[in-house]
């Protein structure tokens, strides 16, 4: 456990994959007058739970002293232990309303979502022989989640008062549809979840649960963060950092470069999102790989990421879309 500043501790929780720390999660434990606030929970594994328990013990905190759990978004590495911790602590759990509504489809009764994803991938050009692997690529993540329905459905704009801290809840969709950040204006700190990371560029993809314009949502959310006075960013991965506005600009530039690369590919002729994604490089945990080198889940993330950019390019007039043999295809406009 690391003390970030008086009253805030960083808990480093390991990922489920051996021989790598790339999936490790930063959770934050925040002191209040009558107990503690926990922001994010880590993967739902015994290993992550043991690391959490050990670090709580080092601070002299028992599970029963955790009064509230805020989950920045419902991906397994942030939401995974929520159900188990709820049982032990009795803490209230807070999650954005958008994602509360998706919990059952995502983690309990998954058949409909799998069918929607299969149709979505087929529509966007994934070949039939690759479809089963990409459709089911996230099924293994279910084992890392103990789902629980949150008592508190966040909307954005609320203030979470906890001891001397007053956190403004900021709805920052893009990486996930209900992602939230917590901003403490007096101390000028931002708990950024996955919205803003010091090294990695968060995946932003268009899929059945993403909302209609996830890239537009993400860039708008970045602008909202850019307007804040921030001295310290506490992200959910990697390391604490200070240069929030510089990092926002770097992320924005990354997406401009990605869009330019996609337009170059479209100038070669009409293509599906799958074909576009197979023709540009991808960054996985800081390593640049070709599409062919990606694992099935990363291939799926690449396709939906390319799709988010393609739809944004259509909105901006730099691309257009049509249909070819029942599959959606995109091409560059003459003006692009």
C-alpha atoms as a PDB file:
ATOM      1  CA  UNK A   1       0.000   0.000   0.000  1.00  0.00           C
ATOM      2  CA  UNK A   2       1.213   3.509  -0.838  1.00  0.00           C
ATOM      3  CA  UNK A   3       0.073   6.686   0.866  1.00  0.00           C
ATOM      4  CA  UNK A   4      -0.619   9.213  -1.893  1.00  0.00           C
ATOM      5  CA  UNK A   5      -1.518  12.089   0.411  1.00  0.00           C
ATOM      6  CA  UNK A   6      -3.107  12.300   3.867  1.00  0.00           C
ATOM      7  CA  UNK A   7      -6.257  10.170   3.808  1.00  0.00           C
ATOM      8  CA  UNK A   8      -5.738   8.500   0.397  1.00  0.00           C
ATOM      9  CA  UNK A   9      -3.947   5.177  -0.062  1.00  0.00           C
ATOM     10  CA  UNK A  10      -3.172   3.385  -3.324  1.00  0.00           C
ATOM     11  CA  UNK A  11      -3.777  -0.375  -3.300  1.00  0.00           C
ATOM     12  CA  UNK A  12      -1.949  -2.298  -6.011  1.00  0.00           C
ATOM     13  CA  UNK A  13      -4.048  -5.323  -7.016  1.00  0.00           C
ATOM     14  CA  UNK A  14      -2.604  -7.973  -9.357  1.00  0.00           C
ATOM     15  CA  UNK A  15      -4.199  -9.162 -12.570  1.00  0.00           C
ATOM     16  CA  UNK A  16      -5.047 -12.801 -13.285  1.00  0.00           C
ATOM     17  CA  UNK A  17      -2.405 -13.356 -15.957  1.00  0.00           C
ATOM     18  CA  UNK A  18       0.955 -14.912 -14.971  1.00  0.00           C
ATOM     19  CA  UNK A  19       4.333 -13.303 -15.597  1.00  0.00           C
ATOM     20  CA  UNK A  20       2.972  -9.821 -16.350  1.00  0.00           C
ATOM     21  CA  UNK A  21       1.860  -6.799 -14.377  1.00  0.00           C
ATOM     22  CA  UNK A  22       0.166  -5.140 -17.356  1.00  0.00           C
ATOM     23  CA  UNK A  23      -3.312  -5.969 -16.016  1.00  0.00           C
ATOM     24  CA  UNK A  24      -2.623  -4.828 -12.440  1.00  0.00           C
ATOM     25  CA  UNK A  25      -5.167  -2.393 -11.029  1.00  0.00           C
ATOM     26  CA  UNK A  26      -4.844   0.647  -8.787  1.00  0.00           C
ATOM     27  CA  UNK A  27      -7.675   0.857  -6.262  1.00  0.00           C
ATOM     28  CA  UNK A  28      -7.893   3.806  -3.872  1.00  0.00           C
ATOM     29  CA  UNK A  29      -8.809   3.683  -0.187  1.00  0.00           C
ATOM     30  CA  UNK A  30     -10.011   6.994   1.225  1.00  0.00           C
ATOM     31  CA  UNK A  31     -10.453   7.779   4.902  1.00  0.00           C
ATOM     32  CA  UNK A  32     -13.673   9.226   6.270  1.00  0.00           C
ATOM     33  CA  UNK A  33     -14.943   9.985   9.748  1.00  0.00           C
ATOM     34  CA  UNK A  34     -17.049   6.831  10.069  1.00  0.00           C
ATOM     35  CA  UNK A  35     -15.239   4.474   7.722  1.00  0.00           C
ATOM     36  CA  UNK A  36     -13.521   4.176   4.371  1.00  0.00           C
ATOM     37  CA  UNK A  37     -14.413   4.700   0.722  1.00  0.00           C
ATOM     38  CA  UNK A  38     -12.964   2.241  -1.809  1.00  0.00           C
ATOM     39  CA  UNK A  39     -12.701   3.289  -5.466  1.00  0.00           C
ATOM     40  CA  UNK A  40     -12.583   0.216  -7.740  1.00  0.00           C
ATOM     41  CA  UNK A  41     -12.113  -3.342  -6.511  1.00  0.00           C
ATOM     42  CA  UNK A  42      -9.766  -5.232  -8.836  1.00  0.00           C
ATOM     43  CA  UNK A  43     -10.276  -8.544 -10.596  1.00  0.00           C
ATOM     44  CA  UNK A  44     -12.511 -11.129  -8.943  1.00  0.00           C
ATOM     45  CA  UNK A  45      -9.701 -13.567  -8.156  1.00  0.00           C
ATOM     46  CA  UNK A  46      -8.353 -15.052  -4.934  1.00  0.00           C
ATOM     47  CA  UNK A  47      -4.974 -13.531  -5.741  1.00  0.00           C
ATOM     48  CA  UNK A  48      -6.373  -9.991  -6.042  1.00  0.00           C
ATOM     49  CA  UNK A  49      -8.491 -10.518  -2.913  1.00  0.00           C
ATOM     50  CA  UNK A  50      -5.467 -11.690  -0.908  1.00  0.00           C
ATOM     51  CA  UNK A  51      -3.477  -8.636  -2.033  1.00  0.00           C
ATOM     52  CA  UNK A  52      -6.351  -6.360  -1.052  1.00  0.00           C
ATOM     53  CA  UNK A  53      -6.747  -8.033   2.356  1.00  0.00           C
ATOM     54  CA  UNK A  54      -3.018  -7.809   3.057  1.00  0.00           C
ATOM     55  CA  UNK A  55      -2.848  -4.109   2.223  1.00  0.00           C
ATOM     56  CA  UNK A  56      -5.930  -3.343   4.303  1.00  0.00           C
ATOM     57  CA  UNK A  57      -4.312  -5.160   7.246  1.00  0.00           C
ATOM     58  CA  UNK A  58      -1.177  -3.051   6.838  1.00  0.00           C
ATOM     59  CA  UNK A  59      -3.310   0.047   7.344  1.00  0.00           C
ATOM     60  CA  UNK A  60      -5.312  -1.443  10.182  1.00  0.00           C
ATOM     61  CA  UNK A  61      -8.540  -1.459   8.175  1.00  0.00           C
ATOM     62  CA  UNK A  62     -11.049  -4.312   8.363  1.00  0.00           C
ATOM     63  CA  UNK A  63     -13.575  -5.075   5.650  1.00  0.00           C
ATOM     64  CA  UNK A  64     -16.379  -3.969   7.963  1.00  0.00           C
ATOM     65  CA  UNK A  65     -14.876  -0.473   7.982  1.00  0.00           C
ATOM     66  CA  UNK A  66     -15.434  -0.013   4.238  1.00  0.00           C
ATOM     67  CA  UNK A  67     -18.666   1.986   4.010  1.00  0.00           C
ATOM     68  CA  UNK A  68     -18.935   2.662   0.297  1.00  0.00           C
ATOM     69  CA  UNK A  69     -17.514   1.245  -2.945  1.00  0.00           C
ATOM     70  CA  UNK A  70     -17.478   3.402  -6.059  1.00  0.00           C
ATOM     71  CA  UNK A  71     -16.837   1.506  -9.297  1.00  0.00           C
ATOM     72  CA  UNK A  72     -15.539   3.752 -12.070  1.00  0.00           C
ATOM     73  CA  UNK A  73     -16.895   1.341 -14.694  1.00  0.00           C
ATOM     74  CA  UNK A  74     -18.058  -2.239 -14.975  1.00  0.00           C
ATOM     75  CA  UNK A  75     -15.117  -3.911 -16.697  1.00  0.00           C
ATOM     76  CA  UNK A  76     -13.926  -7.024 -14.781  1.00  0.00           C
ATOM     77  CA  UNK A  77     -10.708  -5.471 -13.485  1.00  0.00           C
ATOM     78  CA  UNK A  78     -12.645  -2.675 -11.761  1.00  0.00           C
ATOM     79  CA  UNK A  79     -15.904  -4.388 -10.801  1.00  0.00           C
ATOM     80  CA  UNK A  80     -14.732  -7.975 -10.334  1.00  0.00           C
ATOM     81  CA  UNK A  81     -14.521  -8.133  -6.520  1.00  0.00           C
ATOM     82  CA  UNK A  82     -17.517  -5.872  -5.875  1.00  0.00           C
ATOM     83  CA  UNK A  83     -19.916  -8.689  -4.983  1.00  0.00           C
ATOM     84  CA  UNK A  84     -17.456 -10.427  -2.654  1.00  0.00           C
ATOM     85  CA  UNK A  85     -16.544  -7.188  -0.896  1.00  0.00           C
ATOM     86  CA  UNK A  86     -20.196  -6.231  -0.557  1.00  0.00           C
ATOM     87  CA  UNK A  87     -20.868  -9.485   1.305  1.00  0.00           C
ATOM     88  CA  UNK A  88     -17.951  -8.962   3.683  1.00  0.00           C
ATOM     89  CA  UNK A  89     -18.365  -5.257   4.376  1.00  0.00           C
ATOM     90  CA  UNK A  90     -22.027  -4.432   3.865  1.00  0.00           C
ATOM     91  CA  UNK A  91     -20.824  -1.361   1.974  1.00  0.00           C
ATOM     92  CA  UNK A  92     -23.068   0.403  -0.494  1.00  0.00           C
ATOM     93  CA  UNK A  93     -21.983   0.039  -4.119  1.00  0.00           C
ATOM     94  CA  UNK A  94     -22.192   2.921  -6.604  1.00  0.00           C
ATOM     95  CA  UNK A  95     -22.043   2.586 -10.397  1.00  0.00           C
ATOM     96  CA  UNK A  96     -23.374   4.709 -13.230  1.00  0.00           C
ATOM     97  CA  UNK A  97     -27.010   4.055 -14.188  1.00  0.00           C
ATOM     98  CA  UNK A  98     -26.102   3.167 -17.783  1.00  0.00           C
ATOM     99  CA  UNK A  99     -23.939   0.284 -16.645  1.00  0.00           C
ATOM    100  CA  UNK A 100     -26.237  -0.808 -13.844  1.00  0.00           C
ATOM    101  CA  UNK A 101     -28.814  -1.479 -16.565  1.00  0.00           C
ATOM    102  CA  UNK A 102     -26.319  -3.677 -18.467  1.00  0.00           C
ATOM    103  CA  UNK A 103     -25.090  -5.874 -15.600  1.00  0.00           C
ATOM    104  CA  UNK A 104     -27.558  -8.714 -16.110  1.00  0.00           C
ATOM    105  CA  UNK A 105     -26.962  -8.909 -19.876  1.00  0.00           C
ATOM    106  CA  UNK A 106     -23.201  -8.677 -19.467  1.00  0.00           C
ATOM    107  CA  UNK A 107     -22.544 -10.986 -16.536  1.00  0.00           C
ATOM    108  CA  UNK A 108     -25.627 -13.073 -15.744  1.00  0.00           C
ATOM    109  CA  UNK A 109     -27.834 -13.881 -18.753  1.00  0.00           C
ATOM    110  CA  UNK A 110     -25.321 -13.484 -21.562  1.00  0.00           C
ATOM    111  CA  UNK A 111     -26.934 -15.328 -24.478  1.00  0.00           C
ATOM    112  CA  UNK A 112     -28.670 -12.296 -25.976  1.00  0.00           C
ATOM    113  CA  UNK A 113     -25.546 -10.162 -25.797  1.00  0.00           C
ATOM    114  CA  UNK A 114     -23.476 -12.905 -27.420  1.00  0.00           C
ATOM    115  CA  UNK A 115     -26.013 -13.099 -30.240  1.00  0.00           C
ATOM    116  CA  UNK A 116     -25.943  -9.328 -30.690  1.00  0.00           C
ATOM    117  CA  UNK A 117     -22.160  -9.328 -30.745  1.00  0.00           C
ATOM    118  CA  UNK A 118     -22.093 -12.134 -33.305  1.00  0.00           C
ATOM    119  CA  UNK A 119     -24.470 -10.205 -35.597  1.00  0.00           C
ATOM    120  CA  UNK A 120     -22.472  -7.006 -35.060  1.00  0.00           C
ATOM    121  CA  UNK A 121     -19.145  -8.592 -35.969  1.00  0.00           C
ATOM    122  CA  UNK A 122     -20.622 -10.341 -39.020  1.00  0.00           C
ATOM    123  CA  UNK A 123     -22.178  -7.058 -40.213  1.00  0.00           C
ATOM    124  CA  UNK A 124     -18.778  -5.393 -39.964  1.00  0.00           C
ATOM    125  CA  UNK A 125     -16.917  -7.953 -42.013  1.00  0.00           C
ATOM    126  CA  UNK A 126     -15.510 -10.552 -39.627  1.00  0.00           C
ATOM    127  CA  UNK A 127     -15.136 -13.757 -41.687  1.00  0.00           C
ATOM    128  CA  UNK A 128     -17.319 -16.688 -40.642  1.00  0.00           C
ATOM    129  CA  UNK A 129     -14.302 -18.841 -39.805  1.00  0.00           C
ATOM    130  CA  UNK A 130     -13.060 -16.223 -37.313  1.00  0.00           C
ATOM    131  CA  UNK A 131     -16.460 -15.336 -35.906  1.00  0.00           C
ATOM    132  CA  UNK A 132     -16.692 -17.929 -33.081  1.00  0.00           C
ATOM    133  CA  UNK A 133     -13.315 -16.964 -31.615  1.00  0.00           C
ATOM    134  CA  UNK A 134     -14.008 -13.216 -31.688  1.00  0.00           C
ATOM    135  CA  UNK A 135     -17.611 -13.525 -30.513  1.00  0.00           C
ATOM    136  CA  UNK A 136     -16.670 -15.587 -27.469  1.00  0.00           C
ATOM    137  CA  UNK A 137     -13.359 -13.862 -26.768  1.00  0.00           C
ATOM    138  CA  UNK A 138     -14.610 -12.160 -23.598  1.00  0.00           C
ATOM    139  CA  UNK A 139     -16.373 -15.204 -22.126  1.00  0.00           C
ATOM    140  CA  UNK A 140     -13.310 -16.022 -20.064  1.00  0.00           C
ATOM    141  CA  UNK A 141     -13.643 -12.668 -18.297  1.00  0.00           C
ATOM    142  CA  UNK A 142     -16.874 -13.790 -16.632  1.00  0.00           C
ATOM    143  CA  UNK A 143     -14.941 -15.976 -14.197  1.00  0.00           C
ATOM    144  CA  UNK A 144     -13.293 -12.853 -12.794  1.00  0.00           C
ATOM    145  CA  UNK A 145     -16.524 -11.135 -11.737  1.00  0.00           C
ATOM    146  CA  UNK A 146     -18.727 -11.571  -8.671  1.00  0.00           C
ATOM    147  CA  UNK A 147     -21.624  -9.399  -9.887  1.00  0.00           C
ATOM    148  CA  UNK A 148     -23.711  -7.331  -7.523  1.00  0.00           C
ATOM    149  CA  UNK A 149     -26.465  -4.840  -8.304  1.00  0.00           C
ATOM    150  CA  UNK A 150     -25.418  -1.391  -7.033  1.00  0.00           C
ATOM    151  CA  UNK A 151     -27.663   0.414  -4.579  1.00  0.00           C
ATOM    152  CA  UNK A 152     -26.540   3.791  -5.892  1.00  0.00           C
ATOM    153  CA  UNK A 153     -27.039   4.578  -9.580  1.00  0.00           C
ATOM    154  CA  UNK A 154     -24.834   7.530 -10.477  1.00  0.00           C
ATOM    155  CA  UNK A 155     -25.803  10.044 -13.148  1.00  0.00           C
ATOM    156  CA  UNK A 156     -22.872  12.446 -13.048  1.00  0.00           C
ATOM    157  CA  UNK A 157     -22.894  15.756 -11.230  1.00  0.00           C
ATOM    158  CA  UNK A 158     -23.324  14.291  -7.739  1.00  0.00           C
ATOM    159  CA  UNK A 159     -21.011  15.133  -4.853  1.00  0.00           C
ATOM    160  CA  UNK A 160     -19.702  12.266  -2.742  1.00  0.00           C
ATOM    161  CA  UNK A 161     -18.726  13.716   0.629  1.00  0.00           C
ATOM    162  CA  UNK A 162     -16.428  11.463   2.616  1.00  0.00           C
ATOM    163  CA  UNK A 163     -14.673  12.880   5.622  1.00  0.00           C
ATOM    164  CA  UNK A 164     -12.827  15.997   4.530  1.00  0.00           C
ATOM    165  CA  UNK A 165     -13.092  15.016   0.866  1.00  0.00           C
ATOM    166  CA  UNK A 166     -15.777  16.237  -1.511  1.00  0.00           C
ATOM    167  CA  UNK A 167     -15.647  14.369  -4.812  1.00  0.00           C
ATOM    168  CA  UNK A 168     -17.568  15.595  -7.837  1.00  0.00           C
ATOM    169  CA  UNK A 169     -18.798  12.680  -9.939  1.00  0.00           C
ATOM    170  CA  UNK A 170     -17.981  13.311 -13.598  1.00  0.00           C
ATOM    171  CA  UNK A 171     -19.666  11.135 -16.203  1.00  0.00           C
ATOM    172  CA  UNK A 172     -16.924  10.454 -18.767  1.00  0.00           C
ATOM    173  CA  UNK A 173     -18.301   7.986 -21.353  1.00  0.00           C
ATOM    174  CA  UNK A 174     -16.150   6.598 -24.153  1.00  0.00           C
ATOM    175  CA  UNK A 175     -13.978   3.778 -22.846  1.00  0.00           C
ATOM    176  CA  UNK A 176     -17.195   2.426 -21.377  1.00  0.00           C
ATOM    177  CA  UNK A 177     -20.681   3.945 -21.569  1.00  0.00           C
ATOM    178  CA  UNK A 178     -21.011   4.693 -17.850  1.00  0.00           C
ATOM    179  CA  UNK A 179     -17.428   5.500 -16.949  1.00  0.00           C
ATOM    180  CA  UNK A 180     -17.040   8.040 -14.136  1.00  0.00           C
ATOM    181  CA  UNK A 181     -14.137  10.020 -12.744  1.00  0.00           C
ATOM    182  CA  UNK A 182     -14.002  11.630  -9.289  1.00  0.00           C
ATOM    183  CA  UNK A 183     -12.671  15.190  -8.959  1.00  0.00           C
ATOM    184  CA  UNK A 184     -11.700  16.826  -5.670  1.00  0.00           C
ATOM    185  CA  UNK A 185     -11.464  20.545  -6.435  1.00  0.00           C
ATOM    186  CA  UNK A 186      -9.935  21.721  -3.145  1.00  0.00           C
ATOM    187  CA  UNK A 187      -7.007  19.302  -3.396  1.00  0.00           C
ATOM    188  CA  UNK A 188      -7.049  19.433  -7.222  1.00  0.00           C
ATOM    189  CA  UNK A 189      -6.915  15.659  -7.626  1.00  0.00           C
ATOM    190  CA  UNK A 190      -8.627  13.470 -10.200  1.00  0.00           C
ATOM    191  CA  UNK A 191      -9.361   9.772  -9.772  1.00  0.00           C
ATOM    192  CA  UNK A 192      -9.431   9.034 -13.483  1.00  0.00           C
ATOM    193  CA  UNK A 193     -10.253   5.321 -13.713  1.00  0.00           C
ATOM    194  CA  UNK A 194      -9.377   4.244 -17.258  1.00  0.00           C
ATOM    195  CA  UNK A 195     -10.422   7.537 -18.834  1.00  0.00           C
ATOM    196  CA  UNK A 196      -6.955   9.065 -18.648  1.00  0.00           C
ATOM    197  CA  UNK A 197      -3.862   6.877 -18.172  1.00  0.00           C
ATOM    198  CA  UNK A 198      -0.208   7.970 -18.178  1.00  0.00           C
ATOM    199  CA  UNK A 199       1.017   5.461 -20.787  1.00  0.00           C
ATOM    200  CA  UNK A 200      -1.823   3.457 -22.337  1.00  0.00           C
ATOM    201  CA  UNK A 201      -4.443   4.825 -24.713  1.00  0.00           C
ATOM    202  CA  UNK A 202      -7.785   3.417 -23.492  1.00  0.00           C
ATOM    203  CA  UNK A 203      -9.725   1.414 -26.036  1.00  0.00           C
ATOM    204  CA  UNK A 204     -12.796   3.202 -27.383  1.00  0.00           C
ATOM    205  CA  UNK A 205     -15.000   0.906 -29.454  1.00  0.00           C
ATOM    206  CA  UNK A 206     -18.421   0.896 -31.067  1.00  0.00           C
ATOM    207  CA  UNK A 207     -20.450  -2.175 -30.073  1.00  0.00           C
ATOM    208  CA  UNK A 208     -23.948  -3.122 -28.822  1.00  0.00           C
ATOM    209  CA  UNK A 209     -23.411  -1.639 -25.336  1.00  0.00           C
ATOM    210  CA  UNK A 210     -21.210   1.350 -26.189  1.00  0.00           C
ATOM    211  CA  UNK A 211     -23.697   4.042 -27.132  1.00  0.00           C
ATOM    212  CA  UNK A 212     -24.014   5.435 -30.647  1.00  0.00           C
ATOM    213  CA  UNK A 213     -20.958   7.718 -30.755  1.00  0.00           C
ATOM    214  CA  UNK A 214     -18.371   6.475 -28.244  1.00  0.00           C
ATOM    215  CA  UNK A 215     -15.396   8.260 -29.805  1.00  0.00           C
ATOM    216  CA  UNK A 216     -17.242  11.569 -29.876  1.00  0.00           C
ATOM    217  CA  UNK A 217     -18.315  10.967 -26.275  1.00  0.00           C
ATOM    218  CA  UNK A 218     -14.755  10.163 -25.253  1.00  0.00           C
ATOM    219  CA  UNK A 219     -13.205  13.243 -26.846  1.00  0.00           C
ATOM    220  CA  UNK A 220     -15.903  15.444 -25.317  1.00  0.00           C
ATOM    221  CA  UNK A 221     -15.202  13.894 -21.922  1.00  0.00           C
ATOM    222  CA  UNK A 222     -11.491  14.602 -22.395  1.00  0.00           C
ATOM    223  CA  UNK A 223     -12.280  18.263 -23.049  1.00  0.00           C
ATOM    224  CA  UNK A 224     -14.246  18.405 -19.808  1.00  0.00           C
ATOM    225  CA  UNK A 225     -11.255  16.986 -17.915  1.00  0.00           C
ATOM    226  CA  UNK A 226      -8.928  19.434 -19.657  1.00  0.00           C
ATOM    227  CA  UNK A 227     -10.859  22.378 -18.191  1.00  0.00           C
ATOM    228  CA  UNK A 228     -10.259  21.282 -14.594  1.00  0.00           C
ATOM    229  CA  UNK A 229      -7.453  22.495 -12.364  1.00  0.00           C
ATOM    230  CA  UNK A 230      -5.612  19.229 -11.668  1.00  0.00           C
ATOM    231  CA  UNK A 231      -2.353  18.846  -9.772  1.00  0.00           C
ATOM    232  CA  UNK A 232      -2.432  15.054  -9.436  1.00  0.00           C
ATOM    233  CA  UNK A 233      -4.073  12.268 -11.444  1.00  0.00           C
ATOM    234  CA  UNK A 234      -4.781   8.945  -9.726  1.00  0.00           C
ATOM    235  CA  UNK A 235      -5.369   6.468 -12.559  1.00  0.00           C
ATOM    236  CA  UNK A 236      -6.641   2.892 -12.310  1.00  0.00           C
ATOM    237  CA  UNK A 237      -3.536   1.497 -14.047  1.00  0.00           C
ATOM    238  CA  UNK A 238       0.155   2.303 -14.315  1.00  0.00           C
ATOM    239  CA  UNK A 239       1.328   5.185 -12.113  1.00  0.00           C
ATOM    240  CA  UNK A 240       0.174   8.428 -10.526  1.00  0.00           C
ATOM    241  CA  UNK A 241       1.037  11.466 -12.663  1.00  0.00           C
ATOM    242  CA  UNK A 242       0.807  15.248 -12.736  1.00  0.00           C
ATOM    243  CA  UNK A 243       0.672  16.465 -16.345  1.00  0.00           C
ATOM    244  CA  UNK A 244      -3.051  16.023 -16.977  1.00  0.00           C
ATOM    245  CA  UNK A 245      -3.435  18.601 -19.758  1.00  0.00           C
ATOM    246  CA  UNK A 246      -0.331  17.404 -21.568  1.00  0.00           C
ATOM    247  CA  UNK A 247      -1.617  13.841 -21.410  1.00  0.00           C
ATOM    248  CA  UNK A 248      -5.034  14.883 -22.722  1.00  0.00           C
ATOM    249  CA  UNK A 249      -3.306  16.453 -25.718  1.00  0.00           C
ATOM    250  CA  UNK A 250      -1.233  13.305 -26.292  1.00  0.00           C
ATOM    251  CA  UNK A 251      -4.368  11.158 -26.270  1.00  0.00           C
ATOM    252  CA  UNK A 252      -6.122  13.545 -28.619  1.00  0.00           C
ATOM    253  CA  UNK A 253      -3.127  13.438 -30.992  1.00  0.00           C
ATOM    254  CA  UNK A 254      -3.157   9.627 -30.879  1.00  0.00           C
ATOM    255  CA  UNK A 255      -6.741   9.572 -32.107  1.00  0.00           C
ATOM    256  CA  UNK A 256      -5.984  12.109 -34.831  1.00  0.00           C
ATOM    257  CA  UNK A 257      -3.155   9.888 -36.057  1.00  0.00           C
ATOM    258  CA  UNK A 258      -5.383   6.812 -35.920  1.00  0.00           C
ATOM    259  CA  UNK A 259      -8.066   8.576 -37.963  1.00  0.00           C
ATOM    260  CA  UNK A 260      -5.479   9.713 -40.532  1.00  0.00           C
ATOM    261  CA  UNK A 261      -4.176   6.144 -40.859  1.00  0.00           C
ATOM    262  CA  UNK A 262      -7.700   4.868 -41.419  1.00  0.00           C
ATOM    263  CA  UNK A 263      -8.406   7.493 -44.096  1.00  0.00           C
ATOM    264  CA  UNK A 264      -5.212   6.404 -45.892  1.00  0.00           C
ATOM    265  CA  UNK A 265      -6.496   2.826 -45.878  1.00  0.00           C
ATOM    266  CA  UNK A 266      -9.921   3.896 -47.161  1.00  0.00           C
ATOM    267  CA  UNK A 267      -8.346   5.680 -50.112  1.00  0.00           C
ATOM    268  CA  UNK A 268      -7.437   2.211 -51.399  1.00  0.00           C
ATOM    269  CA  UNK A 269     -11.127   1.436 -51.876  1.00  0.00           C
ATOM    270  CA  UNK A 270     -14.273   0.380 -50.008  1.00  0.00           C
ATOM    271  CA  UNK A 271     -13.563  -1.791 -46.978  1.00  0.00           C
ATOM    272  CA  UNK A 272     -15.233  -3.266 -43.917  1.00  0.00           C
ATOM    273  CA  UNK A 273     -14.227  -2.358 -40.367  1.00  0.00           C
ATOM    274  CA  UNK A 274     -12.554  -5.763 -40.139  1.00  0.00           C
ATOM    275  CA  UNK A 275     -10.522  -5.106 -43.299  1.00  0.00           C
ATOM    276  CA  UNK A 276      -9.514  -1.656 -42.064  1.00  0.00           C
ATOM    277  CA  UNK A 277      -8.460  -3.008 -38.673  1.00  0.00           C
ATOM    278  CA  UNK A 278      -6.327  -5.675 -40.354  1.00  0.00           C
ATOM    279  CA  UNK A 279      -4.373  -3.041 -42.274  1.00  0.00           C
ATOM    280  CA  UNK A 280      -3.240  -0.733 -39.463  1.00  0.00           C
ATOM    281  CA  UNK A 281      -0.935  -1.336 -36.457  1.00  0.00           C
ATOM    282  CA  UNK A 282      -2.231  -1.724 -32.917  1.00  0.00           C
ATOM    283  CA  UNK A 283      -0.692  -0.963 -29.531  1.00  0.00           C
ATOM    284  CA  UNK A 284      -1.200  -3.579 -26.800  1.00  0.00           C
ATOM    285  CA  UNK A 285       0.277  -2.722 -23.405  1.00  0.00           C
ATOM    286  CA  UNK A 286       2.783  -0.417 -25.078  1.00  0.00           C
ATOM    287  CA  UNK A 287       3.865  -2.902 -27.771  1.00  0.00           C
ATOM    288  CA  UNK A 288       3.012  -2.221 -31.424  1.00  0.00           C
ATOM    289  CA  UNK A 289       1.636  -5.333 -33.157  1.00  0.00           C
ATOM    290  CA  UNK A 290       0.076  -6.172 -36.484  1.00  0.00           C
ATOM    291  CA  UNK A 291      -3.546  -7.284 -36.485  1.00  0.00           C
ATOM    292  CA  UNK A 292      -2.460 -10.824 -37.326  1.00  0.00           C
ATOM    293  CA  UNK A 293      -0.368 -10.984 -34.139  1.00  0.00           C
ATOM    294  CA  UNK A 294      -3.283 -10.098 -31.858  1.00  0.00           C
ATOM    295  CA  UNK A 295      -5.146 -12.522 -29.614  1.00  0.00           C
ATOM    296  CA  UNK A 296      -8.878 -12.992 -30.379  1.00  0.00           C
ATOM    297  CA  UNK A 297     -10.043 -10.520 -27.713  1.00  0.00           C
ATOM    298  CA  UNK A 298      -7.577  -7.891 -28.915  1.00  0.00           C
ATOM    299  CA  UNK A 299      -8.693  -8.510 -32.503  1.00  0.00           C
ATOM    300  CA  UNK A 300     -12.271  -7.842 -31.444  1.00  0.00           C
ATOM    301  CA  UNK A 301     -11.199  -4.683 -29.639  1.00  0.00           C
ATOM    302  CA  UNK A 302      -9.345  -3.605 -32.785  1.00  0.00           C
ATOM    303  CA  UNK A 303     -12.412  -4.102 -34.988  1.00  0.00           C
ATOM    304  CA  UNK A 304     -14.741  -2.144 -32.705  1.00  0.00           C
ATOM    305  CA  UNK A 305     -12.101   0.567 -32.260  1.00  0.00           C
ATOM    306  CA  UNK A 306     -11.707   0.941 -36.026  1.00  0.00           C
ATOM    307  CA  UNK A 307     -15.486   1.030 -36.289  1.00  0.00           C
ATOM    308  CA  UNK A 308     -15.738   3.886 -33.769  1.00  0.00           C
ATOM    309  CA  UNK A 309     -13.289   5.896 -35.875  1.00  0.00           C
ATOM    310  CA  UNK A 310     -15.034   5.008 -39.123  1.00  0.00           C
ATOM    311  CA  UNK A 311     -18.394   6.210 -37.866  1.00  0.00           C
ATOM    312  CA  UNK A 312     -16.789   9.406 -36.564  1.00  0.00           C
ATOM    313  CA  UNK A 313     -15.190   9.967 -39.966  1.00  0.00           C
ATOM    314  CA  UNK A 314     -18.601   9.575 -41.598  1.00  0.00           C
ATOM    315  CA  UNK A 315     -20.044  12.189 -39.242  1.00  0.00           C
ATOM    316  CA  UNK A 316     -17.180  14.530 -40.126  1.00  0.00           C
ATOM    317  CA  UNK A 317     -17.632  14.056 -43.872  1.00  0.00           C
ATOM    318  CA  UNK A 318     -14.284  12.353 -44.451  1.00  0.00           C
ATOM    319  CA  UNK A 319     -15.800   8.907 -45.068  1.00  0.00           C
ATOM    320  CA  UNK A 320     -19.047   7.391 -46.262  1.00  0.00           C
ATOM    321  CA  UNK A 321     -20.636   3.991 -45.822  1.00  0.00           C
ATOM    322  CA  UNK A 322     -22.660   1.611 -47.913  1.00  0.00           C
ATOM    323  CA  UNK A 323     -23.565  -2.081 -48.028  1.00  0.00           C
ATOM    324  CA  UNK A 324     -21.940  -4.917 -49.959  1.00  0.00           C
ATOM    325  CA  UNK A 325     -23.455  -8.403 -49.874  1.00  0.00           C
ATOM    326  CA  UNK A 326     -25.103  -7.697 -46.542  1.00  0.00           C
ATOM    327  CA  UNK A 327     -21.914  -6.310 -44.995  1.00  0.00           C
ATOM    328  CA  UNK A 328     -21.227  -2.677 -44.077  1.00  0.00           C
ATOM    329  CA  UNK A 329     -18.377  -1.068 -46.020  1.00  0.00           C
ATOM    330  CA  UNK A 330     -16.675   2.321 -45.799  1.00  0.00           C
ATOM    331  CA  UNK A 331     -14.863   4.506 -48.301  1.00  0.00           C
ATOM    332  CA  UNK A 332     -13.059   7.843 -48.292  1.00  0.00           C
ATOM    333  CA  UNK A 333     -14.961  10.819 -49.631  1.00  0.00           C
ATOM    334  CA  UNK A 334     -13.490  12.775 -52.527  1.00  0.00           C
ATOM    335  CA  UNK A 335     -12.821  15.719 -50.199  1.00  0.00           C
ATOM    336  CA  UNK A 336     -10.730  13.670 -47.750  1.00  0.00           C
END
